[in-house]
Amino acid sequence: MRDAWVECVPNVSEGRRPEVLAALAQRVRSVEGAYLLHTDADADHNRSVFTLVARPWAVRELGLALMDEVMRHVDLRDHDGVH
């Protein structure tokens, strides 16, 4: 189990503001034992998909860190996109 990895693929309701996506990516990179593999932003849907991997012991911290950063930048009351 020491060599195990967990893949996480969260969707974030932001796909138009590069500065916000950069802040989210930086927050993910700040978590020890977690790595950002890919980000796919979709401006039409105003959504981004992050592909992350983390050691099992880092998954909780990774999720909380990303959630905290999303809450700083994303307000769904102002969100619009094609759905």
C-alpha atoms as a PDB file:
ATOM      1  CA  MET A   1       0.000   0.000   0.000  1.00  0.00           C
ATOM      2  CA  ARG A   2       3.021   2.299   0.389  1.00  0.00           C
ATOM      3  CA  ASP A   3       3.256   2.812  -3.354  1.00  0.00           C
ATOM      4  CA  ALA A   4      -0.467   3.406  -3.851  1.00  0.00           C
ATOM      5  CA  TRP A   5      -1.827   6.433  -5.661  1.00  0.00           C
ATOM      6  CA  VAL A   6      -5.352   7.817  -5.712  1.00  0.00           C
ATOM      7  CA  GLU A   7      -6.677   9.578  -8.802  1.00  0.00           C
ATOM      8  CA  CYS A   8      -9.062  12.494  -8.314  1.00  0.00           C
ATOM      9  CA  VAL A   9     -10.885  14.221 -11.187  1.00  0.00           C
ATOM     10  CA  PRO A  10     -12.780  17.186  -9.714  1.00  0.00           C
ATOM     11  CA  ASN A  11     -14.847  19.497 -11.910  1.00  0.00           C
ATOM     12  CA  VAL A  12     -14.815  23.176 -10.992  1.00  0.00           C
ATOM     13  CA  SER A  13     -17.416  25.684 -12.166  1.00  0.00           C
ATOM     14  CA  GLU A  14     -14.861  28.049 -13.686  1.00  0.00           C
ATOM     15  CA  GLY A  15     -13.450  27.864 -17.177  1.00  0.00           C
ATOM     16  CA  ARG A  16     -12.981  31.450 -18.321  1.00  0.00           C
ATOM     17  CA  ARG A  17     -10.632  33.190 -15.910  1.00  0.00           C
ATOM     18  CA  PRO A  18      -7.041  32.013 -16.350  1.00  0.00           C
ATOM     19  CA  GLU A  19      -5.929  33.770 -13.172  1.00  0.00           C
ATOM     20  CA  VAL A  20      -8.406  31.746 -11.125  1.00  0.00           C
ATOM     21  CA  LEU A  21      -7.350  28.496 -12.781  1.00  0.00           C
ATOM     22  CA  ALA A  22      -3.719  29.374 -12.058  1.00  0.00           C
ATOM     23  CA  ALA A  23      -4.564  29.983  -8.382  1.00  0.00           C
ATOM     24  CA  LEU A  24      -6.355  26.641  -8.155  1.00  0.00           C
ATOM     25  CA  ALA A  25      -3.449  24.833  -9.813  1.00  0.00           C
ATOM     26  CA  GLN A  26      -0.957  26.513  -7.493  1.00  0.00           C
ATOM     27  CA  ARG A  27      -2.950  25.466  -4.453  1.00  0.00           C
ATOM     28  CA  VAL A  28      -2.966  21.846  -5.651  1.00  0.00           C
ATOM     29  CA  ARG A  29       0.792  21.993  -6.227  1.00  0.00           C
ATOM     30  CA  SER A  30       1.283  23.206  -2.653  1.00  0.00           C
ATOM     31  CA  VAL A  31       0.002  19.930  -1.183  1.00  0.00           C
ATOM     32  CA  GLU A  32       2.805  17.522  -0.389  1.00  0.00           C
ATOM     33  CA  GLY A  33       2.209  14.113  -1.964  1.00  0.00           C
ATOM     34  CA  ALA A  34      -0.232  15.460  -4.572  1.00  0.00           C
ATOM     35  CA  TYR A  35       0.329  16.246  -8.248  1.00  0.00           C
ATOM     36  CA  LEU A  36      -1.634  18.032 -10.929  1.00  0.00           C
ATOM     37  CA  LEU A  37      -1.433  15.975 -14.118  1.00  0.00           C
ATOM     38  CA  HIS A  38      -3.766  17.890 -16.418  1.00  0.00           C
ATOM     39  CA  THR A  39      -6.296  20.711 -16.555  1.00  0.00           C
ATOM     40  CA  ASP A  40      -8.957  21.036 -19.231  1.00  0.00           C
ATOM     41  CA  ALA A  41     -10.836  24.353 -19.260  1.00  0.00           C
ATOM     42  CA  ASP A  42     -14.056  24.769 -21.239  1.00  0.00           C
ATOM     43  CA  ALA A  43     -15.123  28.409 -21.648  1.00  0.00           C
ATOM     44  CA  ASP A  44     -18.518  27.565 -23.191  1.00  0.00           C
ATOM     45  CA  HIS A  45     -19.569  25.475 -20.201  1.00  0.00           C
ATOM     46  CA  ASN A  46     -17.545  27.675 -17.824  1.00  0.00           C
ATOM     47  CA  ARG A  47     -16.106  24.563 -16.228  1.00  0.00           C
ATOM     48  CA  SER A  48     -12.683  23.014 -15.755  1.00  0.00           C
ATOM     49  CA  VAL A  49     -11.653  19.462 -15.057  1.00  0.00           C
ATOM     50  CA  PHE A  50      -8.521  18.818 -13.020  1.00  0.00           C
ATOM     51  CA  THR A  51      -6.773  15.458 -13.133  1.00  0.00           C
ATOM     52  CA  LEU A  52      -4.910  14.936  -9.871  1.00  0.00           C
ATOM     53  CA  VAL A  53      -3.069  12.086  -8.223  1.00  0.00           C
ATOM     54  CA  ALA A  54      -2.093  11.862  -4.600  1.00  0.00           C
ATOM     55  CA  ARG A  55      -0.734   9.470  -2.063  1.00  0.00           C
ATOM     56  CA  PRO A  56      -3.566   8.089   0.082  1.00  0.00           C
ATOM     57  CA  TRP A  57      -2.391  10.081   3.105  1.00  0.00           C
ATOM     58  CA  ALA A  58      -2.585  13.350   1.092  1.00  0.00           C
ATOM     59  CA  VAL A  59      -6.053  12.941  -0.462  1.00  0.00           C
ATOM     60  CA  ARG A  60      -7.968  14.617   2.352  1.00  0.00           C
ATOM     61  CA  GLU A  61      -5.625  17.601   2.468  1.00  0.00           C
ATOM     62  CA  LEU A  62      -5.738  17.868  -1.318  1.00  0.00           C
ATOM     63  CA  GLY A  63      -9.529  17.921  -1.424  1.00  0.00           C
ATOM     64  CA  LEU A  64      -9.820  20.458   1.375  1.00  0.00           C
ATOM     65  CA  ALA A  65      -7.140  22.714  -0.133  1.00  0.00           C
ATOM     66  CA  LEU A  66      -8.809  22.731  -3.557  1.00  0.00           C
ATOM     67  CA  MET A  67     -12.234  23.306  -2.025  1.00  0.00           C
ATOM     68  CA  ASP A  68     -10.903  26.205   0.036  1.00  0.00           C
ATOM     69  CA  GLU A  69      -9.376  27.851  -3.030  1.00  0.00           C
ATOM     70  CA  VAL A  70     -12.524  27.334  -5.113  1.00  0.00           C
ATOM     71  CA  MET A  71     -14.591  28.987  -2.383  1.00  0.00           C
ATOM     72  CA  ARG A  72     -12.299  32.033  -2.552  1.00  0.00           C
ATOM     73  CA  HIS A  73     -12.818  32.531  -6.292  1.00  0.00           C
ATOM     74  CA  VAL A  74     -16.054  30.911  -7.485  1.00  0.00           C
ATOM     75  CA  ASP A  75     -19.524  32.195  -6.667  1.00  0.00           C
ATOM     76  CA  LEU A  76     -22.229  30.115  -8.328  1.00  0.00           C
ATOM     77  CA  ARG A  77     -24.689  32.975  -7.998  1.00  0.00           C
ATOM     78  CA  ASP A  78     -22.652  34.694 -10.747  1.00  0.00           C
ATOM     79  CA  HIS A  79     -22.004  31.563 -12.818  1.00  0.00           C
ATOM     80  CA  ASP A  80     -23.256  31.097 -16.354  1.00  0.00           C
ATOM     81  CA  GLY A  81     -22.457  28.551 -18.998  1.00  0.00           C
ATOM     82  CA  VAL A  82     -23.983  26.177 -21.519  1.00  0.00           C
ATOM     83  CA  HIS A  83     -25.393  23.124 -19.730  1.00  0.00           C
END
